[in-house]
Amino acid sequence: MTRPAEIDDYHRKLSPSDQEICAVLATQIELALPEAASKVWHAHPVWFLDGNPIVGYHRLKDAVRLMFWSAQSFGLPGLTASGTFQAAEVRYDDVSEIDTEALAAWLAAGRDIQWDYEHIRTNRGLVKRTAF
């Protein structure tokens, strides 16, 4: 799948070191989830499977944050819980901090373990586990 131009545009607005981090993340995500659709969603690159957000990243003040929408259920080390639903994250200050083996494991888990964020509004704010 070809990366949408809007994601490359997002990268171009970052500092060179952040561009490097995001380029590695995007490439690893695309290798692990070739069937995923990607777009800039809520101003940040996000990858979706069957309309459900799986993984995305964005620049914060202090780091690039990689977030998995369902990662609190992965049972894998290296991610920190984020928010009130099932999301978890990792933050990067330098491209050398990216552990591609851990990232591959998280992406594989992201394919298999999903909570239904696509239908959160129709489920009255409740996030339900999808059947995969």
Protein backbone atom coordinates (compact mmCIF):
# COMPACT_ATOMS: atom_id res chain seq x y z
CA MET A 1 0.00 0.00 0.00
CA THR A 2 1.23 3.47 -0.83
CA ARG A 3 1.57 5.91 2.02
CA PRO A 4 -0.84 8.85 1.67
CA ALA A 5 0.79 12.15 0.79
CA GLU A 6 -0.80 13.73 3.86
CA ILE A 7 1.40 11.55 6.11
CA ASP A 8 4.52 12.60 4.22
CA ASP A 9 3.34 16.23 4.57
CA TYR A 10 2.99 15.66 8.34
CA HIS A 11 6.58 14.38 8.45
CA ARG A 12 7.95 17.36 6.50
CA LYS A 13 6.67 19.75 9.19
CA LEU A 14 8.79 18.06 11.88
CA SER A 15 12.38 18.63 12.93
CA PRO A 16 14.96 16.42 11.17
CA SER A 17 15.34 14.16 14.23
CA ASP A 18 11.55 13.77 14.57
CA GLN A 19 11.28 13.09 10.83
CA GLU A 20 13.77 10.27 11.28
CA ILE A 21 11.77 8.75 14.15
CA CYS A 22 8.48 9.00 12.27
CA ALA A 23 9.95 7.59 9.06
CA VAL A 24 11.13 4.49 10.91
CA LEU A 25 7.78 4.12 12.69
CA ALA A 26 5.78 4.51 9.46
CA THR A 27 7.96 2.02 7.61
CA GLN A 28 7.74 -0.57 10.39
CA ILE A 29 3.97 -0.12 10.68
CA GLU A 30 3.51 -0.51 6.93
CA LEU A 31 5.68 -3.65 6.87
CA ALA A 32 3.77 -5.25 9.75
CA LEU A 33 0.27 -4.13 8.70
CA PRO A 34 0.31 -3.96 4.89
CA GLU A 35 -3.48 -4.34 4.76
CA ALA A 36 -4.05 -1.33 7.03
CA ALA A 37 -5.51 1.88 5.71
CA SER A 38 -3.67 4.99 6.83
CA LYS A 39 -4.48 8.66 6.98
CA VAL A 40 -3.95 11.78 9.03
CA TRP A 41 -6.73 11.55 11.61
CA HIS A 42 -7.24 14.25 14.24
CA ALA A 43 -4.05 15.85 12.84
CA HIS A 44 -1.84 12.74 13.29
CA PRO A 45 -0.90 9.70 11.19
CA VAL A 46 -3.04 6.67 12.15
CA TRP A 47 -3.37 3.16 10.71
CA PHE A 48 -6.75 1.37 10.68
CA LEU A 49 -7.91 -2.22 10.21
CA ASP A 50 -11.52 -2.52 9.07
CA GLY A 51 -12.15 1.08 10.13
CA ASN A 52 -10.79 0.55 13.64
CA PRO A 53 -7.75 2.64 14.72
CA ILE A 54 -4.80 0.39 15.57
CA VAL A 55 -1.68 2.55 15.86
CA GLY A 56 -0.62 6.13 15.33
CA TYR A 57 1.97 8.67 16.39
CA HIS A 58 2.38 12.35 16.95
CA ARG A 59 4.81 14.92 18.21
CA LEU A 60 4.34 16.08 21.78
CA LYS A 61 6.36 18.82 23.47
CA ASP A 62 8.95 16.37 24.80
CA ALA A 63 8.86 13.35 22.45
CA VAL A 64 7.23 11.49 19.59
CA ARG A 65 4.44 9.40 21.07
CA LEU A 66 3.54 6.06 19.47
CA MET A 67 0.09 4.95 20.60
CA PHE A 68 -1.77 1.68 20.23
CA TRP A 69 -5.50 1.99 20.82
CA SER A 70 -5.88 -1.51 22.35
CA ALA A 71 -2.43 -2.13 23.86
CA GLN A 72 -3.42 -2.39 27.53
CA SER A 73 -4.70 -5.83 26.53
CA PHE A 74 -1.53 -6.94 24.73
CA GLY A 75 0.23 -8.36 27.78
CA LEU A 76 3.58 -7.22 26.36
CA PRO A 77 6.25 -5.14 28.10
CA GLY A 78 7.41 -1.69 27.10
CA LEU A 79 4.14 0.20 26.79
CA THR A 80 2.56 2.57 29.32
CA ALA A 81 -1.20 2.86 29.82
CA SER A 82 -2.68 6.05 28.38
CA GLY A 83 -6.13 7.49 28.94
CA THR A 84 -9.30 5.92 30.26
CA PHE A 85 -9.88 3.22 27.61
CA GLN A 86 -7.46 0.49 26.44
CA ALA A 87 -4.73 2.63 24.87
CA ALA A 88 -1.04 2.41 25.71
CA GLU A 89 1.99 4.27 24.42
CA VAL A 90 5.73 4.59 24.19
CA ARG A 91 7.67 7.82 23.67
CA TYR A 92 10.81 8.40 21.64
CA ASP A 93 13.36 11.21 21.85
CA ASP A 94 15.79 9.66 19.37
CA VAL A 95 15.53 7.11 16.57
CA SER A 96 18.08 4.92 18.39
CA GLU A 97 15.46 4.29 21.11
CA ILE A 98 13.17 2.39 18.72
CA ASP A 99 13.31 -1.34 19.46
CA THR A 100 12.10 -2.77 16.16
CA GLU A 101 11.63 -6.27 17.64
CA ALA A 102 9.35 -4.93 20.38
CA LEU A 103 7.58 -2.75 17.82
CA ALA A 104 6.96 -5.78 15.58
CA ALA A 105 5.49 -7.69 18.54
CA TRP A 106 3.21 -4.77 19.45
CA LEU A 107 2.05 -4.44 15.84
CA ALA A 108 1.30 -8.17 15.62
CA ALA A 109 -0.69 -7.95 18.84
CA GLY A 110 -2.48 -4.88 17.48
CA ARG A 111 -3.75 -6.93 14.57
CA ASP A 112 -5.06 -9.70 16.85
CA ILE A 113 -6.27 -7.76 19.90
CA GLN A 114 -8.63 -4.91 19.20
CA TRP A 115 -11.25 -2.98 21.05
CA ASP A 116 -14.03 -1.51 18.91
CA TYR A 117 -13.24 2.20 18.80
CA GLU A 118 -14.92 2.58 15.41
CA HIS A 119 -18.37 2.17 17.02
CA ILE A 120 -17.73 3.97 20.31
CA ARG A 121 -20.46 6.54 19.62
CA THR A 122 -23.11 3.98 18.73
CA ASN A 123 -22.10 1.97 21.81
CA ARG A 124 -22.80 5.01 24.01
CA GLY A 125 -19.18 5.62 24.92
CA LEU A 126 -18.40 2.00 25.75
CA VAL A 127 -15.48 0.25 24.12
CA LYS A 128 -16.11 -3.44 23.45
CA ARG A 129 -13.58 -6.11 22.53
CA THR A 130 -13.84 -7.18 18.89
CA ALA A 131 -13.91 -10.83 17.88
CA PHE A 132 -10.76 -11.65 15.89
